[in-house]
PDB file of N, CA and C in Angstrom:
ATOM      1  N   MET A   1     -10.431-105.170 -67.755  1.00  0.00           N
ATOM      2  CA  MET A   1     -10.746-105.574 -69.113  1.00  0.00           C
ATOM      3  C   MET A   1      -9.688-105.038 -70.070  1.00  0.00           C
ATOM      4  N   ARG A   2      -9.312-103.765 -69.884  1.00  0.00           N
ATOM      5  CA  ARG A   2      -8.308-103.162 -70.759  1.00  0.00           C
ATOM      6  C   ARG A   2      -6.958-103.856 -70.584  1.00  0.00           C
ATOM      7  N   ALA A   3      -6.624-104.213 -69.357  1.00  0.00           N
ATOM      8  CA  ALA A   3      -5.356-104.899 -69.090  1.00  0.00           C
ATOM      9  C   ALA A   3      -5.323-106.252 -69.792  1.00  0.00           C
ATOM     10  N   ALA A   4      -6.455-106.955 -69.806  1.00  0.00           N
ATOM     11  CA  ALA A   4      -6.516-108.249 -70.480  1.00  0.00           C
ATOM     12  C   ALA A   4      -6.322-108.088 -71.978  1.00  0.00           C
ATOM     13  N   ALA A   5      -6.897-107.034 -72.569  1.00  0.00           N
ATOM     14  CA  ALA A   5      -6.738-106.784 -74.002  1.00  0.00           C
ATOM     15  C   ALA A   5      -5.286-106.474 -74.338  1.00  0.00           C
ATOM     16  N   VAL A   6      -4.642-105.670 -73.497  1.00  0.00           N
ATOM     17  CA  VAL A   6      -3.226-105.325 -73.718  1.00  0.00           C
ATOM     18  C   VAL A   6      -2.367-106.573 -73.583  1.00  0.00           C
ATOM     19  N   LEU A   7      -2.646-107.392 -72.583  1.00  0.00           N
ATOM     20  CA  LEU A   7      -1.889-108.629 -72.383  1.00  0.00           C
ATOM     21  C   LEU A   7      -2.051-109.570 -73.573  1.00  0.00           C
ATOM     22  N   SER A   8      -3.263-109.684 -74.097  1.00  0.00           N
ATOM     23  CA  SER A   8      -3.511-110.525 -75.281  1.00  0.00           C
ATOM     24  C   SER A   8      -2.745-110.007 -76.484  1.00  0.00           C
ATOM     25  N   LEU A   9      -2.750-108.689 -76.668  1.00  0.00           N
ATOM     26  CA  LEU A   9      -2.036-108.086 -77.786  1.00  0.00           C
ATOM     27  C   LEU A   9      -0.537-108.328 -77.666  1.00  0.00           C
ATOM     28  N   LEU A  10       0.017-108.178 -76.474  1.00  0.00           N
ATOM     29  CA  LEU A  10       1.444-108.425 -76.269  1.00  0.00           C
ATOM     30  C   LEU A  10       1.797-109.887 -76.527  1.00  0.00           C
ATOM     31  N   THR A  11       0.915-110.787 -76.135  1.00  0.00           N
ATOM     32  CA  THR A  11       1.152-112.215 -76.384  1.00  0.00           C
ATOM     33  C   THR A  11       1.179-112.506 -77.880  1.00  0.00           C
ATOM     34  N   LEU A  12       0.252-111.923 -78.640  1.00  0.00           N
ATOM     35  CA  LEU A  12       0.226-112.113 -80.094  1.00  0.00           C
ATOM     36  C   LEU A  12       1.465-111.548 -80.757  1.00  0.00           C
ATOM     37  N   VAL A  13       1.893-110.357 -80.332  1.00  0.00           N
ATOM     38  CA  VAL A  13       3.090-109.733 -80.916  1.00  0.00           C
ATOM     39  C   VAL A  13       4.315-110.570 -80.608  1.00  0.00           C
ATOM     40  N   ALA A  14       4.422-111.077 -79.394  1.00  0.00           N
ATOM     41  CA  ALA A  14       5.562-111.917 -79.035  1.00  0.00           C
ATOM     42  C   ALA A  14       5.589-113.199 -79.863  1.00  0.00           C
ATOM     43  N   ALA A  15       4.432-113.782 -80.125  1.00  0.00           N
ATOM     44  CA  ALA A  15       4.364-115.002 -80.930  1.00  0.00           C
ATOM     45  C   ALA A  15       4.821-114.743 -82.355  1.00  0.00           C
ATOM     46  N   CYS A  16       4.530-113.580 -82.890  1.00  0.00           N
ATOM     47  CA  CYS A  16       4.929-113.251 -84.251  1.00  0.00           C
ATOM     48  C   CYS A  16       6.431-113.069 -84.377  1.00  0.00           C
ATOM     49  N   GLN A  17       7.101-112.765 -83.280  1.00  0.00           N
ATOM     50  CA  GLN A  17       8.529-112.511 -83.322  1.00  0.00           C
ATOM     51  C   GLN A  17       9.354-113.748 -83.028  1.00  0.00           C
ATOM     52  N   THR A  18       8.708-114.858 -82.775  1.00  0.00           N
ATOM     53  CA  THR A  18       9.424-116.095 -82.521  1.00  0.00           C
ATOM     54  C   THR A  18      10.091-116.543 -83.813  1.00  0.00           C
ATOM     55  N   PRO A  19      11.416-116.740 -83.789  1.00  0.00           N
ATOM     56  CA  PRO A  19      12.090-117.118 -85.040  1.00  0.00           C
ATOM     57  C   PRO A  19      11.696-118.520 -85.500  1.00  0.00           C
ATOM     58  N   CYS A  20      11.628-118.693 -86.798  1.00  0.00           N
ATOM     59  CA  CYS A  20      11.358-120.003 -87.385  1.00  0.00           C
ATOM     60  C   CYS A  20      12.638-120.826 -87.333  1.00  0.00           C
ATOM     61  N   PRO A  21      12.525-122.126 -87.234  1.00  0.00           N
ATOM     62  CA  PRO A  21      13.741-122.946 -87.242  1.00  0.00           C
ATOM     63  C   PRO A  21      14.442-122.846 -88.596  1.00  0.00           C
ATOM     64  N   ALA A  22      15.753-122.837 -88.546  1.00  0.00           N
ATOM     65  CA  ALA A  22      16.549-122.741 -89.775  1.00  0.00           C
ATOM     66  C   ALA A  22      16.447-124.041 -90.559  1.00  0.00           C
ATOM     67  N   PRO A  23      16.441-123.953 -91.895  1.00  0.00           N
ATOM     68  CA  PRO A  23      16.417-125.186 -92.696  1.00  0.00           C
ATOM     69  C   PRO A  23      17.723-125.952 -92.496  1.00  0.00           C
ATOM     70  N   PRO A  24      17.701-127.262 -92.661  1.00  0.00           N
ATOM     71  CA  PRO A  24      18.929-128.045 -92.480  1.00  0.00           C
ATOM     72  C   PRO A  24      19.989-127.616 -93.506  1.00  0.00           C
ATOM     73  N   MET A  25      21.219-127.489 -93.059  1.00  0.00           N
ATOM     74  CA  MET A  25      22.288-127.038 -93.950  1.00  0.00           C
ATOM     75  C   MET A  25      23.109-128.205 -94.507  1.00  0.00           C
ATOM     76  N   GLU A  26      22.947-129.393 -93.937  1.00  0.00           N
ATOM     77  CA  GLU A  26      23.691-130.535 -94.443  1.00  0.00           C
ATOM     78  C   GLU A  26      23.047-131.039 -95.736  1.00  0.00           C
ATOM     79  N   PRO A  27      23.805-131.685 -96.596  1.00  0.00           N
ATOM     80  CA  PRO A  27      23.245-132.219 -97.840  1.00  0.00           C
ATOM     81  C   PRO A  27      22.137-133.236 -97.567  1.00  0.00           C
ATOM     82  N   VAL A  28      21.157-133.264 -98.460  1.00  0.00           N
ATOM     83  CA  VAL A  28      20.043-134.209 -98.356  1.00  0.00           C
ATOM     84  C   VAL A  28      20.080-135.094 -99.601  1.00  0.00           C
ATOM     85  N   SER A  29      20.133-136.409 -99.401  1.00  0.00           N
ATOM     86  CA  SER A  29      20.192-137.347-100.524  1.00  0.00           C
ATOM     87  C   SER A  29      18.891-138.126-100.634  1.00  0.00           C
ATOM     88  N   THR A  30      18.492-138.366-101.871  1.00  0.00           N
ATOM     89  CA  THR A  30      17.307-139.183-102.129  1.00  0.00           C
ATOM     90  C   THR A  30      17.488-139.898-103.461  1.00  0.00           C
ATOM     91  N   SER A  31      16.741-140.963-103.659  1.00  0.00           N
ATOM     92  CA  SER A  31      16.831-141.736-104.904  1.00  0.00           C
ATOM     93  C   SER A  31      15.504-141.672-105.643  1.00  0.00           C
ATOM     94  N   PHE A  32      15.595-141.729-106.976  1.00  0.00           N
ATOM     95  CA  PHE A  32      14.427-141.677-107.843  1.00  0.00           C
ATOM     96  C   PHE A  32      14.477-142.848-108.819  1.00  0.00           C
ATOM     97  N   ARG A  33      13.345-143.493-109.050  1.00  0.00           N
ATOM     98  CA  ARG A  33      13.222-144.530-110.086  1.00  0.00           C
ATOM     99  C   ARG A  33      12.532-143.884-111.276  1.00  0.00           C
ATOM    100  N   CYS A  34      13.131-144.005-112.453  1.00  0.00           N
ATOM    101  CA  CYS A  34      12.628-143.326-113.644  1.00  0.00           C
ATOM    102  C   CYS A  34      11.905-144.290-114.578  1.00  0.00           C
ATOM    103  N   GLU A  35      11.033-143.722-115.407  1.00  0.00           N
ATOM    104  CA  GLU A  35      10.251-144.525-116.362  1.00  0.00           C
ATOM    105  C   GLU A  35      11.124-145.241-117.376  1.00  0.00           C
ATOM    106  N   ASP A  36      12.343-144.728-117.630  1.00  0.00           N
ATOM    107  CA  ASP A  36      13.236-145.396-118.577  1.00  0.00           C
ATOM    108  C   ASP A  36      13.995-146.557-117.939  1.00  0.00           C
ATOM    109  N   GLY A  37      13.669-146.870-116.657  1.00  0.00           N
ATOM    110  CA  GLY A  37      14.297-147.995-115.965  1.00  0.00           C
ATOM    111  C   GLY A  37      15.517-147.623-115.148  1.00  0.00           C
ATOM    112  N   SER A  38      15.996-146.394-115.259  1.00  0.00           N
ATOM    113  CA  SER A  38      17.181-145.994-114.522  1.00  0.00           C
ATOM    114  C   SER A  38      16.834-145.546-113.103  1.00  0.00           C
ATOM    115  N   VAL A  39      17.866-145.500-112.265  1.00  0.00           N
ATOM    116  CA  VAL A  39      17.737-144.987-110.900  1.00  0.00           C
ATOM    117  C   VAL A  39      18.685-143.805-110.773  1.00  0.00           C
ATOM    118  N   LEU A  40      18.157-142.699-110.258  1.00  0.00           N
ATOM    119  CA  LEU A  40      18.971-141.506-110.016  1.00  0.00           C
ATOM    120  C   LEU A  40      19.201-141.362-108.525  1.00  0.00           C
ATOM    121  N   ASN A  41      20.407-141.006-108.157  1.00  0.00           N
ATOM    122  CA  ASN A  41      20.709-140.625-106.784  1.00  0.00           C
ATOM    123  C   ASN A  41      20.978-139.132-106.813  1.00  0.00           C
ATOM    124  N   ALA A  42      20.141-138.364-106.109  1.00  0.00           N
ATOM    125  CA  ALA A  42      20.246-136.907-106.099  1.00  0.00           C
ATOM    126  C   ALA A  42      20.673-136.449-104.714  1.00  0.00           C
ATOM    127  N   THR A  43      21.709-135.599-104.673  1.00  0.00           N
ATOM    128  CA  THR A  43      22.160-135.008-103.420  1.00  0.00           C
ATOM    129  C   THR A  43      21.983-133.503-103.534  1.00  0.00           C
ATOM    130  N   PHE A  44      21.083-132.965-102.707  1.00  0.00           N
ATOM    131  CA  PHE A  44      20.769-131.539-102.706  1.00  0.00           C
ATOM    132  C   PHE A  44      21.631-130.835-101.671  1.00  0.00           C
ATOM    133  N   THR A  45      22.262-129.725-102.060  1.00  0.00           N
ATOM    134  CA  THR A  45      23.060-128.913-101.131  1.00  0.00           C
ATOM    135  C   THR A  45      22.453-127.519-101.047  1.00  0.00           C
ATOM    136  N   HIS A  46      22.752-126.826 -99.958  1.00  0.00           N
ATOM    137  CA  HIS A  46      22.181-125.500 -99.749  1.00  0.00           C
ATOM    138  C   HIS A  46      23.185-124.378 -99.925  1.00  0.00           C
ATOM    139  N   ASN A  47      24.455-124.661 -99.831  1.00  0.00           N
ATOM    140  CA  ASN A  47      25.450-123.605 -99.983  1.00  0.00           C
ATOM    141  C   ASN A  47      26.637-124.164-100.751  1.00  0.00           C
ATOM    142  N   PRO A  48      26.629-124.126-102.067  1.00  0.00           N
ATOM    143  CA  PRO A  48      25.661-123.438-102.916  1.00  0.00           C
ATOM    144  C   PRO A  48      24.398-124.272-103.107  1.00  0.00           C
ATOM    145  N   ASP A  49      23.329-123.610-103.550  1.00  0.00           N
ATOM    146  CA  ASP A  49      22.063-124.279-103.818  1.00  0.00           C
ATOM    147  C   ASP A  49      22.215-125.042-105.134  1.00  0.00           C
ATOM    148  N   ALA A  50      22.377-126.356-105.026  1.00  0.00           N
ATOM    149  CA  ALA A  50      22.677-127.176-106.206  1.00  0.00           C
ATOM    150  C   ALA A  50      22.229-128.613-105.955  1.00  0.00           C
ATOM    151  N   VAL A  51      22.308-129.426-107.014  1.00  0.00           N
ATOM    152  CA  VAL A  51      22.040-130.853-106.891  1.00  0.00           C
ATOM    153  C   VAL A  51      23.128-131.609-107.642  1.00  0.00           C
ATOM    154  N   ARG A  52      23.521-132.745-107.104  1.00  0.00           N
ATOM    155  CA  ARG A  52      24.468-133.649-107.765  1.00  0.00           C
ATOM    156  C   ARG A  52      23.681-134.893-108.140  1.00  0.00           C
ATOM    157  N   ILE A  53      23.654-135.205-109.444  1.00  0.00           N
ATOM    158  CA  ILE A  53      22.918-136.355-109.959  1.00  0.00           C
ATOM    159  C   ILE A  53      23.903-137.451-110.337  1.00  0.00           C
ATOM    160  N   ALA A  54      23.717-138.615-109.726  1.00  0.00           N
ATOM    161  CA  ALA A  54      24.505-139.800-110.069  1.00  0.00           C
ATOM    162  C   ALA A  54      23.549-140.815-110.687  1.00  0.00           C
ATOM    163  N   GLN A  55      23.892-141.238-111.903  1.00  0.00           N
ATOM    164  CA  GLN A  55      23.082-142.203-112.640  1.00  0.00           C
ATOM    165  C   GLN A  55      24.029-143.268-113.166  1.00  0.00           C
ATOM    166  N   GLU A  56      23.715-144.539-112.901  1.00  0.00           N
ATOM    167  CA  GLU A  56      24.600-145.628-113.303  1.00  0.00           C
ATOM    168  C   GLU A  56      24.909-145.566-114.791  1.00  0.00           C
ATOM    169  N   GLY A  57      26.202-145.693-115.110  1.00  0.00           N
ATOM    170  CA  GLY A  57      26.639-145.694-116.503  1.00  0.00           C
ATOM    171  C   GLY A  57      26.938-144.315-117.064  1.00  0.00           C
ATOM    172  N   TYR A  58      26.747-143.265-116.264  1.00  0.00           N
ATOM    173  CA  TYR A  58      26.977-141.889-116.727  1.00  0.00           C
ATOM    174  C   TYR A  58      27.875-141.144-115.750  1.00  0.00           C
ATOM    175  N   VAL A  59      28.463-140.083-116.239  1.00  0.00           N
ATOM    176  CA  VAL A  59      29.283-139.205-115.404  1.00  0.00           C
ATOM    177  C   VAL A  59      28.377-138.460-114.428  1.00  0.00           C
ATOM    178  N   VAL A  60      28.845-138.269-113.198  1.00  0.00           N
ATOM    179  CA  VAL A  60      28.095-137.501-112.195  1.00  0.00           C
ATOM    180  C   VAL A  60      27.972-136.060-112.674  1.00  0.00           C
ATOM    181  N   VAL A  61      26.788-135.474-112.505  1.00  0.00           N
ATOM    182  CA  VAL A  61      26.506-134.121-112.986  1.00  0.00           C
ATOM    183  C   VAL A  61      26.151-133.226-111.804  1.00  0.00           C
ATOM    184  N   ASP A  62      26.789-132.065-111.719  1.00  0.00           N
ATOM    185  CA  ASP A  62      26.456-131.051-110.722  1.00  0.00           C
ATOM    186  C   ASP A  62      25.686-129.938-111.416  1.00  0.00           C
ATOM    187  N   LEU A  63      24.482-129.641-110.909  1.00  0.00           N
ATOM    188  CA  LEU A  63      23.624-128.632-111.530  1.00  0.00           C
ATOM    189  C   LEU A  63      23.266-127.541-110.525  1.00  0.00           C
ATOM    190  N   PRO A  64      23.463-126.274-110.881  1.00  0.00           N
ATOM    191  CA  PRO A  64      23.067-125.176-109.995  1.00  0.00           C
ATOM    192  C   PRO A  64      21.554-124.961-110.034  1.00  0.00           C
ATOM    193  N   ALA A  65      21.018-124.427-108.940  1.00  0.00           N
ATOM    194  CA  ALA A  65      19.584-124.133-108.852  1.00  0.00           C
ATOM    195  C   ALA A  65      19.246-122.966-109.764  1.00  0.00           C
ATOM    196  N   ARG A  66      18.039-122.985-110.289  1.00  0.00           N
ATOM    197  CA  ARG A  66      17.503-121.907-111.129  1.00  0.00           C
ATOM    198  C   ARG A  66      16.185-121.442-110.523  1.00  0.00           C
ATOM    199  N   VAL A  67      15.819-120.223-110.819  1.00  0.00           N
ATOM    200  CA  VAL A  67      14.561-119.675-110.324  1.00  0.00           C
ATOM    201  C   VAL A  67      13.402-120.383-111.008  1.00  0.00           C
ATOM    202  N   THR A  68      12.394-120.729-110.223  1.00  0.00           N
ATOM    203  CA  THR A  68      11.207-121.378-110.755  1.00  0.00           C
ATOM    204  C   THR A  68       9.984-120.875-109.997  1.00  0.00           C
ATOM    205  N   GLY A  69       8.837-120.933-110.634  1.00  0.00           N
ATOM    206  CA  GLY A  69       7.614-120.455-109.997  1.00  0.00           C
ATOM    207  C   GLY A  69       7.165-121.346-108.857  1.00  0.00           C
ATOM    208  N   SER A  70       7.353-122.657-109.009  1.00  0.00           N
ATOM    209  CA  SER A  70       7.011-123.595-107.946  1.00  0.00           C
ATOM    210  C   SER A  70       7.872-124.844-108.124  1.00  0.00           C
ATOM    211  N   GLY A  71       8.006-125.596-107.075  1.00  0.00           N
ATOM    212  CA  GLY A  71       8.833-126.790-107.146  1.00  0.00           C
ATOM    213  C   GLY A  71      10.307-126.444-107.148  1.00  0.00           C
ATOM    214  N   TYR A  72      11.096-127.215-107.894  1.00  0.00           N
ATOM    215  CA  TYR A  72      12.537-126.977-107.979  1.00  0.00           C
ATOM    216  C   TYR A  72      12.997-127.164-109.414  1.00  0.00           C
ATOM    217  N   ARG A  73      14.124-126.526-109.725  1.00  0.00           N
ATOM    218  CA  ARG A  73      14.682-126.621-111.079  1.00  0.00           C
ATOM    219  C   ARG A  73      16.190-126.412-110.994  1.00  0.00           C
ATOM    220  N   TYR A  74      16.939-127.329-111.579  1.00  0.00           N
ATOM    221  CA  TYR A  74      18.397-127.258-111.648  1.00  0.00           C
ATOM    222  C   TYR A  74      18.777-127.551-113.089  1.00  0.00           C
ATOM    223  N   ASN A  75      19.678-126.758-113.679  1.00  0.00           N
ATOM    224  CA  ASN A  75      20.135-127.089-115.032  1.00  0.00           C
ATOM    225  C   ASN A  75      21.466-126.440-115.360  1.00  0.00           C
ATOM    226  N   SER A  76      22.136-127.037-116.333  1.00  0.00           N
ATOM    227  CA  SER A  76      23.414-126.537-116.831  1.00  0.00           C
ATOM    228  C   SER A  76      23.836-127.411-118.008  1.00  0.00           C
ATOM    229  N   ASN A  77      24.347-126.779-119.045  1.00  0.00           N
ATOM    230  CA  ASN A  77      24.925-127.482-120.198  1.00  0.00           C
ATOM    231  C   ASN A  77      24.012-128.560-120.786  1.00  0.00           C
ATOM    232  N   GLY A  78      22.723-128.288-120.871  1.00  0.00           N
ATOM    233  CA  GLY A  78      21.797-129.212-121.509  1.00  0.00           C
ATOM    234  C   GLY A  78      21.203-130.267-120.591  1.00  0.00           C
ATOM    235  N   ALA A  79      21.684-130.363-119.350  1.00  0.00           N
ATOM    236  CA  ALA A  79      21.100-131.292-118.383  1.00  0.00           C
ATOM    237  C   ALA A  79      20.131-130.515-117.506  1.00  0.00           C
ATOM    238  N   GLU A  80      18.972-131.120-117.215  1.00  0.00           N
ATOM    239  CA  GLU A  80      17.986-130.439-116.372  1.00  0.00           C
ATOM    240  C   GLU A  80      17.291-131.443-115.467  1.00  0.00           C
ATOM    241  N   PHE A  81      17.129-131.045-114.205  1.00  0.00           N
ATOM    242  CA  PHE A  81      16.407-131.826-113.205  1.00  0.00           C
ATOM    243  C   PHE A  81      15.404-130.876-112.572  1.00  0.00           C
ATOM    244  N   ARG A  82      14.104-131.164-112.771  1.00  0.00           N
ATOM    245  CA  ARG A  82      13.072-130.267-112.239  1.00  0.00           C
ATOM    246  C   ARG A  82      11.910-131.095-111.742  1.00  0.00           C
ATOM    247  N   GLY A  83      11.188-130.548-110.801  1.00  0.00           N
ATOM    248  CA  GLY A  83      10.053-131.293-110.280  1.00  0.00           C
ATOM    249  C   GLY A  83       9.349-130.591-109.151  1.00  0.00           C
ATOM    250  N   ARG A  84       8.447-131.347-108.568  1.00  0.00           N
ATOM    251  CA  ARG A  84       7.656-130.864-107.446  1.00  0.00           C
ATOM    252  C   ARG A  84       7.270-132.079-106.621  1.00  0.00           C
ATOM    253  N   ALA A  85       7.319-131.942-105.321  1.00  0.00           N
ATOM    254  CA  ALA A  85       6.993-133.031-104.396  1.00  0.00           C
ATOM    255  C   ALA A  85       7.864-134.255-104.701  1.00  0.00           C
ATOM    256  N   ASN A  86       7.262-135.418-104.959  1.00  0.00           N
ATOM    257  CA  ASN A  86       8.058-136.639-105.163  1.00  0.00           C
ATOM    258  C   ASN A  86       8.201-137.039-106.629  1.00  0.00           C
ATOM    259  N   GLU A  87       7.866-136.144-107.563  1.00  0.00           N
ATOM    260  CA  GLU A  87       8.004-136.431-108.991  1.00  0.00           C
ATOM    261  C   GLU A  87       8.980-135.450-109.616  1.00  0.00           C
ATOM    262  N   ALA A  88       9.873-135.964-110.460  1.00  0.00           N
ATOM    263  CA  ALA A  88      10.871-135.124-111.118  1.00  0.00           C
ATOM    264  C   ALA A  88      10.965-135.486-112.597  1.00  0.00           C
ATOM    265  N   HIS A  89      11.443-134.548-113.377  1.00  0.00           N
ATOM    266  CA  HIS A  89      11.707-134.755-114.802  1.00  0.00           C
ATOM    267  C   HIS A  89      13.212-134.605-114.995  1.00  0.00           C
ATOM    268  N   TRP A  90      13.834-135.588-115.626  1.00  0.00           N
ATOM    269  CA  TRP A  90      15.278-135.616-115.799  1.00  0.00           C
ATOM    270  C   TRP A  90      15.614-135.655-117.282  1.00  0.00           C
ATOM    271  N   THR A  91      16.475-134.740-117.705  1.00  0.00           N
ATOM    272  CA  THR A  91      16.945-134.701-119.088  1.00  0.00           C
ATOM    273  C   THR A  91      18.462-134.616-119.076  1.00  0.00           C
ATOM    274  N   ARG A  92      19.096-135.527-119.799  1.00  0.00           N
ATOM    275  CA  ARG A  92      20.551-135.522-119.984  1.00  0.00           C
ATOM    276  C   ARG A  92      20.790-135.204-121.453  1.00  0.00           C
ATOM    277  N   PRO A  93      21.839-134.428-121.774  1.00  0.00           N
ATOM    278  CA  PRO A  93      22.092-134.099-123.180  1.00  0.00           C
ATOM    279  C   PRO A  93      22.114-135.344-124.067  1.00  0.00           C
ATOM    280  N   GLY A  94      21.388-135.273-125.166  1.00  0.00           N
ATOM    281  CA  GLY A  94      21.339-136.374-126.115  1.00  0.00           C
ATOM    282  C   GLY A  94      20.346-137.465-125.762  1.00  0.00           C
ATOM    283  N   ALA A  95      19.615-137.303-124.672  1.00  0.00           N
ATOM    284  CA  ALA A  95      18.640-138.325-124.258  1.00  0.00           C
ATOM    285  C   ALA A  95      17.269-137.685-124.095  1.00  0.00           C
ATOM    286  N   ALA A  96      16.233-138.470-124.264  1.00  0.00           N
ATOM    287  CA  ALA A  96      14.862-137.984-124.086  1.00  0.00           C
ATOM    288  C   ALA A  96      14.580-137.760-122.600  1.00  0.00           C
ATOM    289  N   GLU A  97      13.687-136.839-122.315  1.00  0.00           N
ATOM    290  CA  GLU A  97      13.271-136.587-120.933  1.00  0.00           C
ATOM    291  C   GLU A  97      12.586-137.824-120.370  1.00  0.00           C
ATOM    292  N   THR A  98      12.839-138.100-119.101  1.00  0.00           N
ATOM    293  CA  THR A  98      12.171-139.206-118.422  1.00  0.00           C
ATOM    294  C   THR A  98      11.574-138.692-117.116  1.00  0.00           C
ATOM    295  N   VAL A  99      10.445-139.257-116.742  1.00  0.00           N
ATOM    296  CA  VAL A  99       9.786-138.889-115.494  1.00  0.00           C
ATOM    297  C   VAL A  99      10.274-139.850-114.415  1.00  0.00           C
ATOM    298  N   CYS A 100      10.627-139.300-113.256  1.00  0.00           N
ATOM    299  CA  CYS A 100      11.159-140.092-112.163  1.00  0.00           C
ATOM    300  C   CYS A 100      10.338-139.848-110.897  1.00  0.00           C
ATOM    301  N   ARG A 101      10.205-140.885-110.087  1.00  0.00           N
ATOM    302  CA  ARG A 101       9.488-140.762-108.828  1.00  0.00           C
ATOM    303  C   ARG A 101      10.410-141.167-107.672  1.00  0.00           C
ATOM    304  N   GLU A 102      10.308-140.400-106.589  1.00  0.00           N
ATOM    305  CA  GLU A 102      11.139-140.655-105.420  1.00  0.00           C
ATOM    306  C   GLU A 102      10.879-142.056-104.890  1.00  0.00           C
ATOM    307  N   ILE A 103      11.949-142.755-104.526  1.00  0.00           N
ATOM    308  CA  ILE A 103      11.842-144.072-103.914  1.00  0.00           C
ATOM    309  C   ILE A 103      11.669-143.849-102.420  1.00  0.00           C
ATOM    310  N   VAL A 104      10.503-144.216-101.908  1.00  0.00           N
ATOM    311  CA  VAL A 104      10.210-144.035-100.485  1.00  0.00           C
ATOM    312  C   VAL A 104      10.641-145.270 -99.742  1.00  0.00           C
ATOM    313  N   GLN A 105      11.461-145.066 -98.720  1.00  0.00           N
ATOM    314  CA  GLN A 105      12.002-146.214 -97.969  1.00  0.00           C
ATOM    315  C   GLN A 105      11.417-146.290 -96.608  1.00  0.00           C
TER     316      GLN A 105
END
């Protein structure tokens, strides 16, 4: 009985030490359709942690990641891209904020 308890304990400890798979390091791209009618193409990178926003008719913007309580947040020089799950809020300098939803393909 004692041997079985020790074996169970060793099995649990070994399971806790199993490494988690590493997050993907390659860039991840996704598109968002916004309430203002625009489409954003966002490319997320991990090293550095940043996003590149391409929006038709505008200059491509690179935004570094910022600390946030939940979800994600990237901003620089008055541009901000923040959200959670498949919904994001996009603000470009001189323009009103628009809500965008991921285009699921």
